[in-house]
Amino acid sequence: MRRVSYAILFRRFPLDQLDTLAPVVAQVYSLNDYDARSKIRKGWGFLEREATEEDAQRIVEAVGDCAGGVVAIDNTALRAPAEPRVTTGVEFAANGFMLRLQSPKDPTRFIEWAEVEAVSAGSFSEEIIRRESGGDEQKMGKTMMGLGVFLVTGIPPGMLGGGKKKKKEEKPVKSTRTITFGRVVTTAGEQYAFSPEHFDFSGLGAKKQLNTATNFRVLLGELASLTSAKVNRGARLLLDNRSLSFANYSGPHDFETELLWLLNAPPADSTE
């Protein structure tokens, strides 16, 4: 018989409710205030990832309706998006938009407004990617492939990692380059990713600006305003004209966990 484990998700994004949630989480887990806040921050929408049915029921009841409350979901029922596919441009229409895809096998995809479930943005430095891969070039390539960072940029991992192996006497050069990207997830779980540095913004028409960063923000704003999509912390910051650095993603795992939460958390007023 399969061992059932439950994920416990906040109904509302918890980092927006820290002051309200911290005392409750501290009481539920017998933690001090600092540790309770740390647990909330590190969960990126999840309070627990592996809980028994008994523990899940106890935690849900203990949190109650504080800041919207929490919900327990069987881990096997969590909806995860497909691997990202890179898109290089967009054209808007009255009922949706056409994405130009990098893959020659499927060069375009038309998405109706009602199909858009989530719009998100994130950024990481190469240093973070190297750290998560343990500094190994091959592992870094696999990590980037799995997260879609390679797919987003269209740049081979070898180029991001410095290309040819360095001679033993050469000191490694520390990179500070930041990789910024956006993601669009459909109700069917399709995931389309794009990098502002490798994207044709001409589809914005009269709203197109000369600055790439501004065009990135405008595109996210169009996708968010013309749909009923859920918007992640990174995209919300950009739409508020704030820096993505304030999202405090300590690594790709944080972004991916938040996106998983975004796709699975029911509305705060839902009775599910």
Protein backbone atom coordinates (compact mmCIF):
# COMPACT_ATOMS: atom_id res chain seq x y z
CA MET A 1 0.00 0.00 0.00
CA ARG A 2 1.28 3.43 -0.93
CA ARG A 3 2.35 5.61 1.95
CA VAL A 4 0.21 8.74 1.74
CA SER A 5 1.97 12.02 2.41
CA TYR A 6 0.51 15.48 2.33
CA ALA A 7 1.81 18.90 1.37
CA ILE A 8 0.40 21.77 3.41
CA LEU A 9 0.00 24.97 1.40
CA PHE A 10 -0.90 28.46 2.52
CA ARG A 11 -3.98 29.78 0.73
CA ARG A 12 -2.42 33.23 0.49
CA PHE A 13 1.23 33.95 -0.19
CA PRO A 14 2.74 33.80 3.32
CA LEU A 15 5.60 36.28 2.82
CA ASP A 16 2.94 38.97 2.55
CA GLN A 17 1.48 37.85 5.92
CA LEU A 18 4.61 37.24 8.04
CA ASP A 19 3.62 39.32 11.05
CA THR A 20 0.22 37.66 11.24
CA LEU A 21 1.36 34.09 10.61
CA ALA A 22 4.56 33.98 12.68
CA PRO A 23 2.88 33.76 16.12
CA VAL A 24 0.51 31.03 14.92
CA VAL A 25 3.25 28.95 13.27
CA ALA A 26 5.42 29.40 16.36
CA GLN A 27 2.63 27.98 18.52
CA VAL A 28 1.86 25.08 16.15
CA TYR A 29 5.48 23.93 16.03
CA SER A 30 6.65 25.19 19.45
CA LEU A 31 9.19 27.53 17.83
CA ASN A 32 10.49 30.96 18.74
CA ASP A 33 9.49 33.90 16.55
CA TYR A 34 12.71 33.91 14.51
CA ASP A 35 12.52 30.21 13.66
CA ALA A 36 8.82 30.48 12.82
CA ARG A 37 9.51 33.30 10.36
CA SER A 38 12.42 31.36 8.88
CA LYS A 39 10.20 28.32 8.36
CA ILE A 40 7.60 30.44 6.57
CA ARG A 41 10.20 32.17 4.37
CA LYS A 42 11.94 28.97 3.34
CA GLY A 43 8.67 27.26 2.42
CA TRP A 44 7.79 29.66 -0.43
CA GLY A 45 4.09 28.97 -0.03
CA PHE A 46 4.43 25.56 1.61
CA LEU A 47 4.24 25.05 5.36
CA GLU A 48 5.03 21.33 5.04
CA ARG A 49 6.09 19.13 2.13
CA GLU A 50 5.82 15.69 3.76
CA ALA A 51 3.16 15.24 6.47
CA THR A 52 1.11 12.27 7.58
CA GLU A 53 -2.66 12.50 7.32
CA GLU A 54 -2.91 12.87 11.08
CA ASP A 55 -0.32 15.66 11.24
CA ALA A 56 -1.84 17.40 8.25
CA GLN A 57 -5.28 17.47 9.86
CA ARG A 58 -3.82 18.75 13.14
CA ILE A 59 -1.88 21.56 11.44
CA VAL A 60 -4.79 22.67 9.26
CA GLU A 61 -7.04 22.89 12.32
CA ALA A 62 -4.37 24.67 14.38
CA VAL A 63 -3.72 27.36 11.76
CA GLY A 64 -7.45 27.83 11.23
CA ASP A 65 -8.37 30.83 9.10
CA CYS A 66 -5.31 32.86 10.06
CA ALA A 67 -4.21 34.87 6.99
CA GLY A 68 -6.50 32.76 4.84
CA GLY A 69 -5.51 29.45 6.43
CA VAL A 70 -3.83 26.43 4.88
CA VAL A 71 -4.91 23.40 2.89
CA ALA A 72 -3.54 19.83 2.84
CA ILE A 73 -3.07 18.18 -0.57
CA ASP A 74 -1.95 14.63 -1.30
CA ASN A 75 1.52 15.00 -2.82
CA THR A 76 0.57 12.78 -5.74
CA ALA A 77 -2.24 15.21 -6.60
CA LEU A 78 0.01 18.28 -6.86
CA ARG A 79 -0.04 19.77 -10.36
CA ALA A 80 3.46 20.32 -11.70
CA PRO A 81 4.08 22.20 -14.97
CA ALA A 82 5.81 20.59 -17.93
CA GLU A 83 9.43 21.38 -18.78
CA PRO A 84 9.76 24.94 -20.06
CA ARG A 85 9.86 25.62 -23.79
CA VAL A 86 11.66 28.72 -24.97
CA THR A 87 9.76 31.47 -26.78
CA THR A 88 11.44 34.23 -28.74
CA GLY A 89 8.61 36.61 -29.58
CA VAL A 90 4.91 37.38 -29.27
CA GLU A 91 2.07 38.77 -31.37
CA PHE A 92 -1.15 39.90 -29.67
CA ALA A 93 -4.66 39.29 -30.98
CA ALA A 94 -8.16 40.13 -29.74
CA ASN A 95 -8.67 36.74 -28.07
CA GLY A 96 -5.12 35.83 -27.10
CA PHE A 97 -1.53 35.87 -28.31
CA MET A 98 0.79 33.94 -30.59
CA LEU A 99 4.14 32.82 -29.19
CA ARG A 100 7.06 32.19 -31.50
CA LEU A 101 8.95 29.19 -30.22
CA GLN A 102 12.63 28.43 -30.62
CA SER A 103 12.00 24.80 -31.55
CA PRO A 104 11.70 24.28 -35.32
CA LYS A 105 9.40 21.30 -34.66
CA ASP A 106 6.70 23.56 -33.22
CA PRO A 107 7.52 27.15 -34.25
CA THR A 108 4.34 28.83 -32.93
CA ARG A 109 1.68 28.36 -30.28
CA PHE A 110 -1.52 30.42 -30.02
CA ILE A 111 -2.77 30.82 -26.45
CA GLU A 112 -6.18 32.23 -25.63
CA TRP A 113 -6.45 34.62 -22.68
CA ALA A 114 -8.50 32.09 -20.69
CA GLU A 115 -5.72 29.50 -21.04
CA VAL A 116 -3.17 31.51 -19.05
CA GLU A 117 -2.96 30.30 -15.47
CA ALA A 118 0.26 31.85 -14.17
CA VAL A 119 2.70 34.60 -15.11
CA SER A 120 6.03 34.66 -13.30
CA ALA A 121 9.47 36.23 -13.38
CA GLY A 122 12.76 35.35 -11.72
CA SER A 123 16.48 35.94 -11.84
CA PHE A 124 19.62 34.16 -10.67
CA SER A 125 23.32 34.83 -10.90
CA GLU A 126 25.65 32.31 -12.49
CA GLU A 127 27.30 32.05 -9.08
CA ILE A 128 24.07 30.69 -7.59
CA ILE A 129 23.68 28.16 -10.38
CA ARG A 130 27.27 26.99 -9.89
CA ARG A 131 26.76 26.69 -6.14
CA GLU A 132 23.62 24.59 -6.53
CA SER A 133 25.45 22.28 -8.94
CA GLY A 134 28.40 21.93 -6.59
CA GLY A 135 30.65 23.87 -8.96
CA ASP A 136 30.83 20.97 -11.40
CA GLU A 137 30.53 22.01 -15.06
CA GLN A 138 28.57 18.94 -16.14
CA LYS A 139 26.27 19.06 -13.12
CA MET A 140 25.72 22.76 -13.74
CA GLY A 141 24.64 22.01 -17.29
CA LYS A 142 22.14 19.41 -16.10
CA THR A 143 20.83 21.72 -13.39
CA MET A 144 20.31 24.52 -15.87
CA MET A 145 18.65 22.20 -18.37
CA GLY A 146 16.24 20.87 -15.76
CA LEU A 147 15.26 24.35 -14.62
CA GLY A 148 14.88 25.69 -18.11
CA VAL A 149 17.60 28.31 -17.67
CA PHE A 150 19.39 27.00 -20.75
CA LEU A 151 16.08 26.86 -22.60
CA VAL A 152 15.32 30.43 -21.58
CA THR A 153 18.60 31.92 -22.72
CA GLY A 154 19.30 29.70 -25.70
CA ILE A 155 22.94 29.75 -24.66
CA PRO A 156 24.71 26.37 -24.28
CA PRO A 157 25.79 25.54 -20.69
CA GLY A 158 29.43 25.46 -21.78
CA MET A 159 29.30 29.11 -22.77
CA LEU A 160 27.76 30.11 -19.44
CA GLY A 161 30.30 28.02 -17.61
CA GLY A 162 33.26 29.49 -19.42
CA GLY A 163 33.54 27.10 -22.39
CA LYS A 164 36.82 25.20 -22.55
CA LYS A 165 38.41 23.86 -19.43
CA LYS A 166 40.84 26.30 -17.86
CA LYS A 167 44.46 25.43 -17.43
CA LYS A 168 45.43 24.40 -13.93
CA GLU A 169 47.59 27.47 -13.39
CA GLU A 170 44.79 29.85 -14.35
CA LYS A 171 42.66 31.20 -11.54
CA PRO A 172 38.90 30.85 -12.09
CA VAL A 173 37.15 34.12 -12.87
CA LYS A 174 34.14 34.80 -10.68
CA SER A 175 31.08 35.67 -12.77
CA THR A 176 28.50 38.19 -11.65
CA ARG A 177 26.18 37.95 -14.66
CA THR A 178 22.50 37.76 -13.82
CA ILE A 179 20.10 35.58 -15.80
CA THR A 180 16.60 37.08 -15.85
CA PHE A 181 13.59 35.28 -17.31
CA GLY A 182 9.82 35.09 -17.43
CA ARG A 183 7.45 32.14 -17.50
CA VAL A 184 3.89 31.68 -18.73
CA VAL A 185 2.03 28.56 -17.58
CA THR A 186 -1.24 27.46 -19.18
CA THR A 187 -4.18 25.70 -17.57
CA ALA A 188 -3.00 22.52 -19.34
CA GLY A 189 0.36 22.76 -17.56
CA GLU A 190 2.35 23.90 -20.60
CA GLN A 191 5.19 26.18 -19.62
CA TYR A 192 6.71 28.82 -21.88
CA ALA A 193 9.85 30.66 -20.85
CA PHE A 194 11.60 33.69 -22.25
CA SER A 195 14.65 35.82 -21.56
CA PRO A 196 14.37 39.58 -22.12
CA GLU A 197 17.84 39.56 -23.69
CA HIS A 198 16.75 37.00 -26.31
CA PHE A 199 13.21 38.16 -27.04
CA ASP A 200 11.61 40.18 -29.83
CA PHE A 201 9.36 42.77 -28.19
CA SER A 202 8.06 44.23 -31.47
CA GLY A 203 4.71 42.54 -30.78
CA LEU A 204 4.09 45.17 -28.10
CA GLY A 205 3.41 47.64 -30.90
CA ALA A 206 3.06 51.23 -29.71
CA LYS A 207 3.83 50.14 -26.13
CA LYS A 208 7.32 48.98 -27.08
CA GLN A 209 10.10 50.98 -25.42
CA LEU A 210 13.81 51.35 -26.20
CA ASN A 211 14.88 49.71 -22.93
CA THR A 212 14.87 45.90 -22.69
CA ALA A 213 14.10 45.86 -18.96
CA THR A 214 11.14 48.19 -19.49
CA ASN A 215 9.81 46.04 -22.34
CA PHE A 216 10.08 42.99 -20.10
CA ARG A 217 7.96 44.77 -17.48
CA VAL A 218 5.44 45.94 -20.08
CA LEU A 219 5.06 42.41 -21.47
CA LEU A 220 4.47 40.97 -18.01
CA GLY A 221 1.93 43.70 -17.35
CA GLU A 222 0.04 42.92 -20.56
CA LEU A 223 -0.07 39.20 -19.78
CA ALA A 224 -1.24 39.86 -16.22
CA SER A 225 -3.86 42.50 -17.06
CA LEU A 226 -5.42 40.77 -20.05
CA THR A 227 -5.82 37.43 -18.25
CA SER A 228 -6.95 36.16 -14.86
CA ALA A 229 -3.49 34.66 -14.29
CA LYS A 230 -1.88 34.21 -10.90
CA VAL A 231 1.27 36.34 -10.61
CA ASN A 232 4.36 35.32 -8.64
CA ARG A 233 6.37 37.50 -6.26
CA GLY A 234 9.03 38.34 -8.84
CA ALA A 235 6.54 39.54 -11.44
CA ARG A 236 4.56 41.49 -8.84
CA LEU A 237 7.72 43.35 -7.85
CA LEU A 238 8.47 44.29 -11.45
CA LEU A 239 4.90 45.44 -12.02
CA ASP A 240 5.29 47.68 -8.96
CA ASN A 241 8.45 49.14 -10.57
CA ARG A 242 10.67 47.47 -7.99
CA SER A 243 13.78 45.37 -8.49
CA LEU A 244 13.60 41.60 -8.89
CA SER A 245 16.37 41.37 -6.30
CA PHE A 246 13.77 42.08 -3.60
CA ALA A 247 12.17 38.71 -4.36
CA ASN A 248 15.09 37.16 -2.42
CA TYR A 249 15.24 33.95 -4.41
CA SER A 250 18.29 32.28 -2.87
CA GLY A 251 18.41 29.78 -5.73
CA PRO A 252 16.40 28.17 -8.53
CA HIS A 253 14.70 25.90 -5.98
CA ASP A 254 12.94 28.87 -4.38
CA PHE A 255 11.48 30.04 -7.67
CA GLU A 256 10.35 26.55 -8.68
CA THR A 257 8.78 25.89 -5.25
CA GLU A 258 6.87 29.17 -5.37
CA LEU A 259 5.61 28.37 -8.87
CA LEU A 260 4.46 24.94 -7.70
CA TRP A 261 2.61 26.61 -4.83
CA LEU A 262 1.07 29.15 -7.20
CA LEU A 263 -0.40 26.40 -9.38
CA ASN A 264 -1.84 24.40 -6.48
CA ALA A 265 -3.01 26.80 -3.77
CA PRO A 266 -6.80 27.28 -3.81
CA PRO A 267 -8.27 30.75 -3.25
CA ALA A 268 -8.33 31.91 0.37
CA ASP A 269 -12.13 31.93 0.36
CA SER A 270 -12.40 28.45 -1.17
CA THR A 271 -13.92 25.60 0.84
CA GLU A 272 -11.76 22.92 -0.81
